[in-house]
């Protein structure tokens, strides 16, 4: 019998997402210095008054990759210009007609001066591996979902729904 151990968390945080109206939600982060963040769905569901979760995930991927490259460059004493990252995200319908993020393309322009390019090669080879968000998304994240006041896990399995935390 094989025993699998869960790694000890390095960090853990909790955010709160609260409905404002319709499909608009306020996100409160765990640190008081962080501003509240708004999310909204595009029409026809929401009012498209703020980014939706797919856009925030894309921003998180782009930010994490950019920060990882910057961190490596600074450790290697590579001079960069201001980094500009463009993230292109494709949303498609799966075979059940549900919208899913199918592809994320990230183009980073670190504006590396020609004289610094030889020093930057190692960073270009390494930085992706240090991006927490990108590597977590690539590997798949164990997301466990419960709905308070609704204890119907057995019904979901019997009706063909996948239990929380399963690979869909």
C-alpha atoms as a PDB file:
ATOM      1  CA  UNK A   1       0.000   0.000   0.000  1.00  0.00           C
ATOM      2  CA  UNK A   2       1.390   3.335  -1.099  1.00  0.00           C
ATOM      3  CA  UNK A   3       0.997   6.308   1.202  1.00  0.00           C
ATOM      4  CA  UNK A   4       1.004   9.781  -0.223  1.00  0.00           C
ATOM      5  CA  UNK A   5       1.784  12.688   2.036  1.00  0.00           C
ATOM      6  CA  UNK A   6       0.520  16.183   1.505  1.00  0.00           C
ATOM      7  CA  UNK A   7       3.335  18.735   1.518  1.00  0.00           C
ATOM      8  CA  UNK A   8       3.390  21.235   4.356  1.00  0.00           C
ATOM      9  CA  UNK A   9       1.984  24.532   3.077  1.00  0.00           C
ATOM     10  CA  UNK A  10       4.573  27.254   2.536  1.00  0.00           C
ATOM     11  CA  UNK A  11       1.874  29.897   2.626  1.00  0.00           C
ATOM     12  CA  UNK A  12      -1.873  29.926   2.943  1.00  0.00           C
ATOM     13  CA  UNK A  13      -4.321  32.757   2.500  1.00  0.00           C
ATOM     14  CA  UNK A  14      -8.047  33.324   2.362  1.00  0.00           C
ATOM     15  CA  UNK A  15      -9.952  35.794   0.237  1.00  0.00           C
ATOM     16  CA  UNK A  16     -13.664  36.580   0.370  1.00  0.00           C
ATOM     17  CA  UNK A  17     -15.853  36.931  -2.711  1.00  0.00           C
ATOM     18  CA  UNK A  18     -19.209  38.572  -2.078  1.00  0.00           C
ATOM     19  CA  UNK A  19     -22.003  39.303  -4.544  1.00  0.00           C
ATOM     20  CA  UNK A  20     -22.758  43.012  -4.997  1.00  0.00           C
ATOM     21  CA  UNK A  21     -25.530  42.753  -7.571  1.00  0.00           C
ATOM     22  CA  UNK A  22     -26.332  40.490 -10.484  1.00  0.00           C
ATOM     23  CA  UNK A  23     -23.015  38.935 -11.592  1.00  0.00           C
ATOM     24  CA  UNK A  24     -20.830  41.607 -10.019  1.00  0.00           C
ATOM     25  CA  UNK A  25     -18.752  40.473  -7.058  1.00  0.00           C
ATOM     26  CA  UNK A  26     -16.420  42.217  -4.605  1.00  0.00           C
ATOM     27  CA  UNK A  27     -13.203  40.453  -3.710  1.00  0.00           C
ATOM     28  CA  UNK A  28     -11.658  41.191  -0.341  1.00  0.00           C
ATOM     29  CA  UNK A  29      -8.102  40.074   0.142  1.00  0.00           C
ATOM     30  CA  UNK A  30      -6.500  38.900   3.358  1.00  0.00           C
ATOM     31  CA  UNK A  31      -4.290  41.959   3.820  1.00  0.00           C
ATOM     32  CA  UNK A  32      -5.769  45.308   4.883  1.00  0.00           C
ATOM     33  CA  UNK A  33      -3.465  47.296   2.583  1.00  0.00           C
ATOM     34  CA  UNK A  34      -4.982  45.611  -0.501  1.00  0.00           C
ATOM     35  CA  UNK A  35      -7.851  47.425  -2.162  1.00  0.00           C
ATOM     36  CA  UNK A  36     -11.131  45.692  -2.771  1.00  0.00           C
ATOM     37  CA  UNK A  37     -11.346  44.215  -6.249  1.00  0.00           C
ATOM     38  CA  UNK A  38     -14.431  43.963  -8.447  1.00  0.00           C
ATOM     39  CA  UNK A  39     -15.313  41.189 -10.870  1.00  0.00           C
ATOM     40  CA  UNK A  40     -18.189  41.085 -13.332  1.00  0.00           C
ATOM     41  CA  UNK A  41     -19.270  38.841 -16.167  1.00  0.00           C
ATOM     42  CA  UNK A  42     -19.615  40.091 -19.728  1.00  0.00           C
ATOM     43  CA  UNK A  43     -23.066  40.600 -21.240  1.00  0.00           C
ATOM     44  CA  UNK A  44     -25.553  39.028 -21.490  1.00  0.00           C
ATOM     45  CA  UNK A  45     -25.052  37.728 -17.921  1.00  0.00           C
ATOM     46  CA  UNK A  46     -23.330  40.678 -16.331  1.00  0.00           C
ATOM     47  CA  UNK A  47     -22.776  44.315 -17.134  1.00  0.00           C
ATOM     48  CA  UNK A  48     -19.119  43.937 -18.215  1.00  0.00           C
ATOM     49  CA  UNK A  49     -18.219  46.656 -15.686  1.00  0.00           C
ATOM     50  CA  UNK A  50     -15.074  44.899 -14.437  1.00  0.00           C
ATOM     51  CA  UNK A  51     -12.830  42.029 -15.517  1.00  0.00           C
ATOM     52  CA  UNK A  52     -14.197  38.512 -15.225  1.00  0.00           C
ATOM     53  CA  UNK A  53     -12.350  35.608 -13.594  1.00  0.00           C
ATOM     54  CA  UNK A  54     -10.844  34.414 -16.901  1.00  0.00           C
ATOM     55  CA  UNK A  55      -9.234  37.810 -17.426  1.00  0.00           C
ATOM     56  CA  UNK A  56      -7.937  37.873 -13.863  1.00  0.00           C
ATOM     57  CA  UNK A  57      -6.418  34.398 -14.335  1.00  0.00           C
ATOM     58  CA  UNK A  58      -4.749  35.606 -17.549  1.00  0.00           C
ATOM     59  CA  UNK A  59      -3.413  38.664 -15.723  1.00  0.00           C
ATOM     60  CA  UNK A  60      -2.113  36.448 -12.913  1.00  0.00           C
ATOM     61  CA  UNK A  61      -0.259  34.243 -15.403  1.00  0.00           C
ATOM     62  CA  UNK A  62       1.277  37.259 -17.170  1.00  0.00           C
ATOM     63  CA  UNK A  63       2.202  38.973 -13.913  1.00  0.00           C
ATOM     64  CA  UNK A  64       3.758  35.867 -12.384  1.00  0.00           C
ATOM     65  CA  UNK A  65       5.854  35.103 -15.460  1.00  0.00           C
ATOM     66  CA  UNK A  66       7.001  38.728 -15.726  1.00  0.00           C
ATOM     67  CA  UNK A  67       7.911  38.871 -12.027  1.00  0.00           C
ATOM     68  CA  UNK A  68       9.774  35.540 -12.257  1.00  0.00           C
ATOM     69  CA  UNK A  69      11.830  36.775 -15.204  1.00  0.00           C
ATOM     70  CA  UNK A  70      12.545  40.058 -13.405  1.00  0.00           C
ATOM     71  CA  UNK A  71      13.617  38.224 -10.236  1.00  0.00           C
ATOM     72  CA  UNK A  72      16.036  35.999 -12.149  1.00  0.00           C
ATOM     73  CA  UNK A  73      17.413  38.937 -14.134  1.00  0.00           C
ATOM     74  CA  UNK A  74      18.076  40.937 -10.986  1.00  0.00           C
ATOM     75  CA  UNK A  75      19.838  38.000  -9.313  1.00  0.00           C
ATOM     76  CA  UNK A  76      21.980  37.590 -12.435  1.00  0.00           C
ATOM     77  CA  UNK A  77      22.563  41.365 -12.551  1.00  0.00           C
ATOM     78  CA  UNK A  78      21.000  41.609 -16.013  1.00  0.00           C
ATOM     79  CA  UNK A  79      19.781  45.092 -16.865  1.00  0.00           C
ATOM     80  CA  UNK A  80      16.257  45.112 -18.318  1.00  0.00           C
ATOM     81  CA  UNK A  81      14.092  47.856 -19.668  1.00  0.00           C
ATOM     82  CA  UNK A  82      10.528  48.121 -18.367  1.00  0.00           C
ATOM     83  CA  UNK A  83       8.915  44.722 -18.969  1.00  0.00           C
ATOM     84  CA  UNK A  84       5.807  44.626 -21.158  1.00  0.00           C
ATOM     85  CA  UNK A  85       3.815  41.405 -21.280  1.00  0.00           C
ATOM     86  CA  UNK A  86       0.860  40.635 -23.537  1.00  0.00           C
ATOM     87  CA  UNK A  87      -1.360  37.687 -22.666  1.00  0.00           C
ATOM     88  CA  UNK A  88      -3.716  36.293 -25.297  1.00  0.00           C
ATOM     89  CA  UNK A  89      -6.347  33.912 -23.963  1.00  0.00           C
ATOM     90  CA  UNK A  90      -8.623  31.718 -26.061  1.00  0.00           C
ATOM     91  CA  UNK A  91     -11.970  30.630 -24.672  1.00  0.00           C
ATOM     92  CA  UNK A  92     -13.755  27.766 -26.414  1.00  0.00           C
ATOM     93  CA  UNK A  93     -16.744  25.530 -25.825  1.00  0.00           C
ATOM     94  CA  UNK A  94     -15.978  21.984 -24.760  1.00  0.00           C
ATOM     95  CA  UNK A  95     -17.883  18.949 -26.044  1.00  0.00           C
ATOM     96  CA  UNK A  96     -20.631  19.635 -23.489  1.00  0.00           C
ATOM     97  CA  UNK A  97     -21.001  23.240 -24.643  1.00  0.00           C
ATOM     98  CA  UNK A  98     -19.317  24.716 -21.551  1.00  0.00           C
ATOM     99  CA  UNK A  99     -16.892  27.604 -21.894  1.00  0.00           C
ATOM    100  CA  UNK A 100     -13.291  26.734 -21.025  1.00  0.00           C
ATOM    101  CA  UNK A 101      -9.926  28.428 -21.316  1.00  0.00           C
ATOM    102  CA  UNK A 102      -8.258  26.394 -24.038  1.00  0.00           C
ATOM    103  CA  UNK A 103      -5.019  28.254 -24.551  1.00  0.00           C
ATOM    104  CA  UNK A 104      -2.990  31.058 -23.031  1.00  0.00           C
ATOM    105  CA  UNK A 105      -0.197  32.643 -25.071  1.00  0.00           C
ATOM    106  CA  UNK A 106       2.194  34.911 -23.201  1.00  0.00           C
ATOM    107  CA  UNK A 107       4.589  37.249 -24.997  1.00  0.00           C
ATOM    108  CA  UNK A 108       7.086  38.973 -22.712  1.00  0.00           C
ATOM    109  CA  UNK A 109       9.203  41.874 -23.920  1.00  0.00           C
ATOM    110  CA  UNK A 110      11.832  42.480 -21.223  1.00  0.00           C
ATOM    111  CA  UNK A 111      13.653  44.993 -23.435  1.00  0.00           C
ATOM    112  CA  UNK A 112      17.019  43.351 -22.863  1.00  0.00           C
ATOM    113  CA  UNK A 113      19.838  45.513 -24.220  1.00  0.00           C
ATOM    114  CA  UNK A 114      22.054  43.680 -26.726  1.00  0.00           C
ATOM    115  CA  UNK A 115      25.032  43.899 -24.362  1.00  0.00           C
ATOM    116  CA  UNK A 116      23.042  42.025 -21.668  1.00  0.00           C
ATOM    117  CA  UNK A 117      21.589  39.211 -23.798  1.00  0.00           C
ATOM    118  CA  UNK A 118      24.401  36.743 -23.119  1.00  0.00           C
ATOM    119  CA  UNK A 119      23.860  37.132 -19.338  1.00  0.00           C
ATOM    120  CA  UNK A 120      20.091  36.734 -19.753  1.00  0.00           C
ATOM    121  CA  UNK A 121      20.186  33.342 -21.493  1.00  0.00           C
ATOM    122  CA  UNK A 122      20.173  31.332 -18.260  1.00  0.00           C
ATOM    123  CA  UNK A 123      17.195  33.304 -16.927  1.00  0.00           C
ATOM    124  CA  UNK A 124      15.242  32.694 -20.111  1.00  0.00           C
ATOM    125  CA  UNK A 125      15.840  28.965 -19.608  1.00  0.00           C
ATOM    126  CA  UNK A 126      14.849  28.996 -15.906  1.00  0.00           C
ATOM    127  CA  UNK A 127      12.251  31.629 -15.083  1.00  0.00           C
ATOM    128  CA  UNK A 128       9.084  29.733 -16.090  1.00  0.00           C
ATOM    129  CA  UNK A 129       9.812  26.987 -13.591  1.00  0.00           C
ATOM    130  CA  UNK A 130       9.672  29.541 -10.757  1.00  0.00           C
ATOM    131  CA  UNK A 131       6.286  30.991 -11.713  1.00  0.00           C
ATOM    132  CA  UNK A 132       3.876  29.673  -9.079  1.00  0.00           C
ATOM    133  CA  UNK A 133       0.710  30.486 -11.043  1.00  0.00           C
ATOM    134  CA  UNK A 134       1.750  29.232 -14.476  1.00  0.00           C
ATOM    135  CA  UNK A 135       3.199  25.970 -13.220  1.00  0.00           C
ATOM    136  CA  UNK A 136       0.158  25.363 -10.995  1.00  0.00           C
ATOM    137  CA  UNK A 137      -2.218  25.929 -13.913  1.00  0.00           C
ATOM    138  CA  UNK A 138      -0.134  23.721 -16.198  1.00  0.00           C
ATOM    139  CA  UNK A 139      -0.144  20.866 -13.687  1.00  0.00           C
ATOM    140  CA  UNK A 140      -3.768  21.263 -12.721  1.00  0.00           C
ATOM    141  CA  UNK A 141      -4.794  22.486  -9.307  1.00  0.00           C
ATOM    142  CA  UNK A 142      -6.756  20.365  -6.854  1.00  0.00           C
ATOM    143  CA  UNK A 143      -9.871  22.508  -6.394  1.00  0.00           C
ATOM    144  CA  UNK A 144     -12.277  21.210  -3.779  1.00  0.00           C
ATOM    145  CA  UNK A 145     -15.757  22.747  -3.766  1.00  0.00           C
ATOM    146  CA  UNK A 146     -18.522  22.603  -1.190  1.00  0.00           C
ATOM    147  CA  UNK A 147     -21.820  24.464  -1.124  1.00  0.00           C
ATOM    148  CA  UNK A 148     -22.940  25.358   2.382  1.00  0.00           C
ATOM    149  CA  UNK A 149     -26.371  24.099   3.335  1.00  0.00           C
ATOM    150  CA  UNK A 150     -26.372  21.646   0.447  1.00  0.00           C
ATOM    151  CA  UNK A 151     -25.301  18.150   1.431  1.00  0.00           C
ATOM    152  CA  UNK A 152     -25.943  16.238  -1.776  1.00  0.00           C
ATOM    153  CA  UNK A 153     -22.589  14.715  -2.692  1.00  0.00           C
ATOM    154  CA  UNK A 154     -24.191  11.286  -3.200  1.00  0.00           C
ATOM    155  CA  UNK A 155     -26.851  12.737  -5.531  1.00  0.00           C
ATOM    156  CA  UNK A 156     -24.174  14.395  -7.685  1.00  0.00           C
ATOM    157  CA  UNK A 157     -22.308  11.132  -8.168  1.00  0.00           C
ATOM    158  CA  UNK A 158     -25.483   9.185  -8.951  1.00  0.00           C
ATOM    159  CA  UNK A 159     -26.646  11.771 -11.479  1.00  0.00           C
ATOM    160  CA  UNK A 160     -23.354  11.656 -13.368  1.00  0.00           C
ATOM    161  CA  UNK A 161     -21.858  14.855 -11.942  1.00  0.00           C
ATOM    162  CA  UNK A 162     -18.213  14.656 -10.993  1.00  0.00           C
ATOM    163  CA  UNK A 163     -17.446  15.007  -7.290  1.00  0.00           C
ATOM    164  CA  UNK A 164     -15.467  18.038  -6.157  1.00  0.00           C
ATOM    165  CA  UNK A 165     -11.756  17.739  -6.709  1.00  0.00           C
ATOM    166  CA  UNK A 166     -12.119  15.266  -9.558  1.00  0.00           C
ATOM    167  CA  UNK A 167     -10.511  15.731 -12.936  1.00  0.00           C
ATOM    168  CA  UNK A 168     -13.151  16.903 -15.385  1.00  0.00           C
END
